[in-house]
Structure formats: C-alpha cells, structure tokens
Amino acid sequence: MTVWLKSAISDFDVSSAIEEVGYIDWGTNHHIFAGDIVYIYMGRPTQKISYKTECVKDDLTEKELTDYSQFYRVPLSSSAVSNRVSKKYIRLKPLINLESCLGEELSLNELVAKGMAKSYVRDTRKLENKPDLLKYIYEVEEKLEMDSIDSLVPKGTPTTVAERIVKTRVGQGLFKQKLLLESQECCICGLTDMSLLIASHIKPWKDCTSNERLDKHNGLLLCPAHDALFDKGYITFNNNGKVVISSRLDETTKRLMNIESSSKIKLSKNNKKYMAFHRSKIFK
C-alpha cells in the first residue's frame, strides 16, 4: 500500500461531486493501485488537504468514467478534455471529510508555517517521500480518531462492549493503515486479502496510554483465525518471534486454526515491550 497526496484543480468542485456521486473518477499518470490511500488537496478558495480517500479501482476504462462536467465551475471545452491524456483511470472512495472535521491544521498556511509545503501544492506525490508531512497528517488524524472513538464509547460502557467497538473502529482506520505500510499480509500465515486482515493490538486498548493506542509498534496484522487466538491469549510470541501456544489448545484445534509450534514472526525492538505485556497479562 502506498499513501499519496493529490491536488485537485481549483475549477473542480470536489465536495459537491463526492456528495452527489459518492466517489471520484480521476485520470492519472502515476502508479496508484487499488488499496492505496489518496489524500486530496483542494486549491482556491479552500486551500486545504480536505479528503482522505481509498483507491477502489485502478483499471477503469474511459467508458466507465463518470461524467463530472456539472461540477466544473468553468465549463470545459472539448479541446481541453481531449488534451487531458492519462495512462490510467482510478476511482477514489472517500473515507474521511477532513475539511468538515478540522480547523486550519491541514490548511496551506499551516503547512507552509511548519515548513512542510511551499506556497502551493500541485500535482501528485508519494507521501513516503515527504515523511515529515505524512507524520504530521497522521498526528492530526490520530486526534480525530481518538475523539471519534471517545464519542462512540461513553463513560460507563461495559468493557466487553467497548473493546468490540474499539476493535471494529480502530482495526479499519489509521492504525491498520500504518501497519499496511509495513506489510500487506498476516504475519503468521501470509494471507494477503486486505479486506480480511485485522489490525490487532498487542497490548489491549483498555490497558494502553493514549500514546500507545495508535502506536504502530503495538500492532500485528493477522488473519481472522490468528487474531482470535492472539486476542484471547491462546498464542503469544517470545522475544525471538517464535510462537508460544497455550496448553489449553488441543491438537485438533491447532490443526483447524492453522497454528504450528514452528511458526515465527519478525518482532522489532519496539514490538517487544508490548509483547512482554501480552505474555505476562494476556497469554493463558
């Protein structure tokens, strides 16, 4: 998965197009593929990073393209349209309307003041080549996500209910996005279907500090079966990444859940402090 920043031309009303159509079809000469995240910067008069989107199709034909002519503030001439030649056409599905959720955090003025942009944002770029900007966007988005989760889990919510809500919300949001930048498969069995992969906390949400909750080092990408085993404490990992299997699992369950004593994963130094908690507090 790759994270991109794409600038929309100022004459195109992105917000109205998304509100009425539900997605954006765009031509591009960049290698944007299904599953990639694309942040959209809107020019004047907005001048902000306004949307977080996901590329859901990367092989649209010209016949499949949606007609967005009504959303151009200045009518496009036929010659202008014909001169726009793209190598491929993609479809972007909105994930978050950042403009409606934020103040000026992702405005051009703020990005310039922080040294993360010049006096303009143009074209399309990989954000991995702009690590400071990507880190800042994540920091802003983390605050949004934490506020959103707090509103979904009011004080007094039973622990089991709260954990289920959090796992669903966080497991499909920024936390999973961070893990997908490192790998796109279950770290135990190698499953690669991103729609099935779960961003599993090593140290549970309820036991985390605010900084630990969305820390990518506190997560593993797991398939549903292995997430269930890990979440319930039936498996853990030693400091070398070798699986440790609970004596409560019988041989039939091990076979059906596809877990073997020879399984091993890669653990970073930062993963290990969270895994130590999992071994001592969660593992059965």
Foldseek 3Di string as FASTA:
>chain_A
DFEKEFEDDQQFQPVVCCVVVQKAKDFAQDPAAFQYWYFYAHDPPQQFRFFIWTWHHWADDPVRHDDRQVRGNDGDDPVNVVPDDGPTMIMIGTDDGRPVQDDCQGGLVNCVVVVQDPNDDHGMDTCVVRVVVVVSVLVVVLVVLVVVLCVVADPPRDPVVSQVSCQVSLFPDPLVVVLVVVPQAQQFPGHRPNVQWTWAFLAGPVPDDSVRNSPNLRTGTHGPLVSVCLQQQQWAAAPQQFIDGHPPDDPVNCVVSVHDRRTGGDHDPSNRVSSVCSVVPRHD
